[in-house]
């Protein structure tokens, strides 16, 4: 799965764009730099291009990872929050 996150860094909202080979229910999980779970959200994935906005305003300044899983596809992105 190819995925990108923008803008990076962000203070309010990040957008994730990814391409999936199949339609499925997926999950986006955010962890901090220490690997601690921060939040997760269910995704409704369509075949082809998908876009999703995530509010990161409540996250502390720092580096985070987002794992996107859909079917048997997976991608890990990194992004930073700066207030």
C-alpha atoms as a PDB file:
ATOM      1  CA  UNK A   1       0.000   0.000   0.000  1.00  0.00           C
ATOM      2  CA  UNK A   2       1.384   3.397  -0.951  1.00  0.00           C
ATOM      3  CA  UNK A   3       0.494   6.171   1.466  1.00  0.00           C
ATOM      4  CA  UNK A   4       1.429   9.784   2.165  1.00  0.00           C
ATOM      5  CA  UNK A   5       0.684  12.170   5.020  1.00  0.00           C
ATOM      6  CA  UNK A   6       0.437  15.960   4.635  1.00  0.00           C
ATOM      7  CA  UNK A   7       1.026  18.602   5.814  1.00  0.00           C
ATOM      8  CA  UNK A   8       3.966  17.447   7.836  1.00  0.00           C
ATOM      9  CA  UNK A   9       4.542  18.905  10.394  1.00  0.00           C
ATOM     10  CA  UNK A  10       1.065  19.970  11.449  1.00  0.00           C
ATOM     11  CA  UNK A  11      -0.566  21.632  14.443  1.00  0.00           C
ATOM     12  CA  UNK A  12      -4.228  20.926  13.678  1.00  0.00           C
ATOM     13  CA  UNK A  13      -5.063  18.368  10.980  1.00  0.00           C
ATOM     14  CA  UNK A  14      -3.142  15.821   8.941  1.00  0.00           C
ATOM     15  CA  UNK A  15      -4.429  14.285   5.751  1.00  0.00           C
ATOM     16  CA  UNK A  16      -3.599  10.747   4.736  1.00  0.00           C
ATOM     17  CA  UNK A  17      -3.887   9.591   1.149  1.00  0.00           C
ATOM     18  CA  UNK A  18      -3.412   5.948   0.199  1.00  0.00           C
ATOM     19  CA  UNK A  19      -4.186   3.533  -2.597  1.00  0.00           C
ATOM     20  CA  UNK A  20      -5.725   0.168  -1.798  1.00  0.00           C
ATOM     21  CA  UNK A  21      -6.058  -2.822  -4.118  1.00  0.00           C
ATOM     22  CA  UNK A  22      -9.335  -3.924  -2.513  1.00  0.00           C
ATOM     23  CA  UNK A  23     -12.332  -2.516  -0.659  1.00  0.00           C
ATOM     24  CA  UNK A  24     -12.392  -3.466   3.020  1.00  0.00           C
ATOM     25  CA  UNK A  25     -12.695  -2.246   6.565  1.00  0.00           C
ATOM     26  CA  UNK A  26      -9.355  -1.066   7.869  1.00  0.00           C
ATOM     27  CA  UNK A  27      -7.761   0.641  10.823  1.00  0.00           C
ATOM     28  CA  UNK A  28      -5.488   3.616  11.393  1.00  0.00           C
ATOM     29  CA  UNK A  29      -3.497   3.422  14.627  1.00  0.00           C
ATOM     30  CA  UNK A  30      -1.365   6.273  15.959  1.00  0.00           C
ATOM     31  CA  UNK A  31       1.523   5.601  18.347  1.00  0.00           C
ATOM     32  CA  UNK A  32       4.019   8.000  19.872  1.00  0.00           C
ATOM     33  CA  UNK A  33       7.790   7.789  19.448  1.00  0.00           C
ATOM     34  CA  UNK A  34       7.972   5.465  22.490  1.00  0.00           C
ATOM     35  CA  UNK A  35       5.594   3.029  20.771  1.00  0.00           C
ATOM     36  CA  UNK A  36       2.697   3.788  23.124  1.00  0.00           C
ATOM     37  CA  UNK A  37      -0.803   3.594  21.662  1.00  0.00           C
ATOM     38  CA  UNK A  38      -2.330   7.059  21.290  1.00  0.00           C
ATOM     39  CA  UNK A  39      -5.522   6.446  19.310  1.00  0.00           C
ATOM     40  CA  UNK A  40      -7.076   4.262  16.636  1.00  0.00           C
ATOM     41  CA  UNK A  41      -9.881   4.721  14.156  1.00  0.00           C
ATOM     42  CA  UNK A  42     -11.800   2.375  11.884  1.00  0.00           C
ATOM     43  CA  UNK A  43     -11.520   3.168   8.187  1.00  0.00           C
ATOM     44  CA  UNK A  44     -13.930   2.348   5.385  1.00  0.00           C
ATOM     45  CA  UNK A  45     -11.516   1.609   2.545  1.00  0.00           C
ATOM     46  CA  UNK A  46     -12.501   1.614  -1.112  1.00  0.00           C
ATOM     47  CA  UNK A  47     -10.567   0.105  -3.981  1.00  0.00           C
ATOM     48  CA  UNK A  48      -8.312   2.792  -5.424  1.00  0.00           C
ATOM     49  CA  UNK A  49      -7.491   6.155  -3.850  1.00  0.00           C
ATOM     50  CA  UNK A  50      -8.624   6.901  -0.300  1.00  0.00           C
ATOM     51  CA  UNK A  51      -8.257  10.109   1.724  1.00  0.00           C
ATOM     52  CA  UNK A  52      -8.854  10.698   5.393  1.00  0.00           C
ATOM     53  CA  UNK A  53      -8.332  13.726   7.665  1.00  0.00           C
ATOM     54  CA  UNK A  54      -7.229  13.276  11.283  1.00  0.00           C
ATOM     55  CA  UNK A  55      -7.428  15.940  13.988  1.00  0.00           C
ATOM     56  CA  UNK A  56      -4.056  16.059  15.781  1.00  0.00           C
ATOM     57  CA  UNK A  57      -4.601  19.322  17.693  1.00  0.00           C
ATOM     58  CA  UNK A  58      -4.961  17.428  20.984  1.00  0.00           C
ATOM     59  CA  UNK A  59      -1.627  15.610  20.568  1.00  0.00           C
ATOM     60  CA  UNK A  60       1.471  16.918  22.322  1.00  0.00           C
ATOM     61  CA  UNK A  61       4.303  18.318  20.224  1.00  0.00           C
ATOM     62  CA  UNK A  62       6.424  15.411  19.020  1.00  0.00           C
ATOM     63  CA  UNK A  63       6.945  12.614  16.513  1.00  0.00           C
ATOM     64  CA  UNK A  64       4.233  10.031  15.850  1.00  0.00           C
ATOM     65  CA  UNK A  65       3.701   6.961  13.701  1.00  0.00           C
ATOM     66  CA  UNK A  66       0.498   5.954  11.938  1.00  0.00           C
ATOM     67  CA  UNK A  67      -0.050   2.367  10.863  1.00  0.00           C
ATOM     68  CA  UNK A  68      -2.748   1.923   8.253  1.00  0.00           C
ATOM     69  CA  UNK A  69      -4.065  -1.608   7.797  1.00  0.00           C
ATOM     70  CA  UNK A  70      -6.634  -2.630   5.188  1.00  0.00           C
ATOM     71  CA  UNK A  71      -7.150  -6.261   4.273  1.00  0.00           C
ATOM     72  CA  UNK A  72      -3.705  -7.783   3.842  1.00  0.00           C
ATOM     73  CA  UNK A  73      -2.112  -4.389   3.057  1.00  0.00           C
ATOM     74  CA  UNK A  74      -0.247  -2.252   5.565  1.00  0.00           C
ATOM     75  CA  UNK A  75       1.707   1.000   5.562  1.00  0.00           C
ATOM     76  CA  UNK A  76       3.504   2.907   8.321  1.00  0.00           C
ATOM     77  CA  UNK A  77       3.823   6.682   8.106  1.00  0.00           C
ATOM     78  CA  UNK A  78       5.559   9.144  10.380  1.00  0.00           C
ATOM     79  CA  UNK A  79       4.469  12.690  11.106  1.00  0.00           C
ATOM     80  CA  UNK A  80       5.247  15.412  13.588  1.00  0.00           C
ATOM     81  CA  UNK A  81       3.020  17.702  15.588  1.00  0.00           C
ATOM     82  CA  UNK A  82       4.285  21.220  16.310  1.00  0.00           C
ATOM     83  CA  UNK A  83       2.258  23.749  18.309  1.00  0.00           C
END
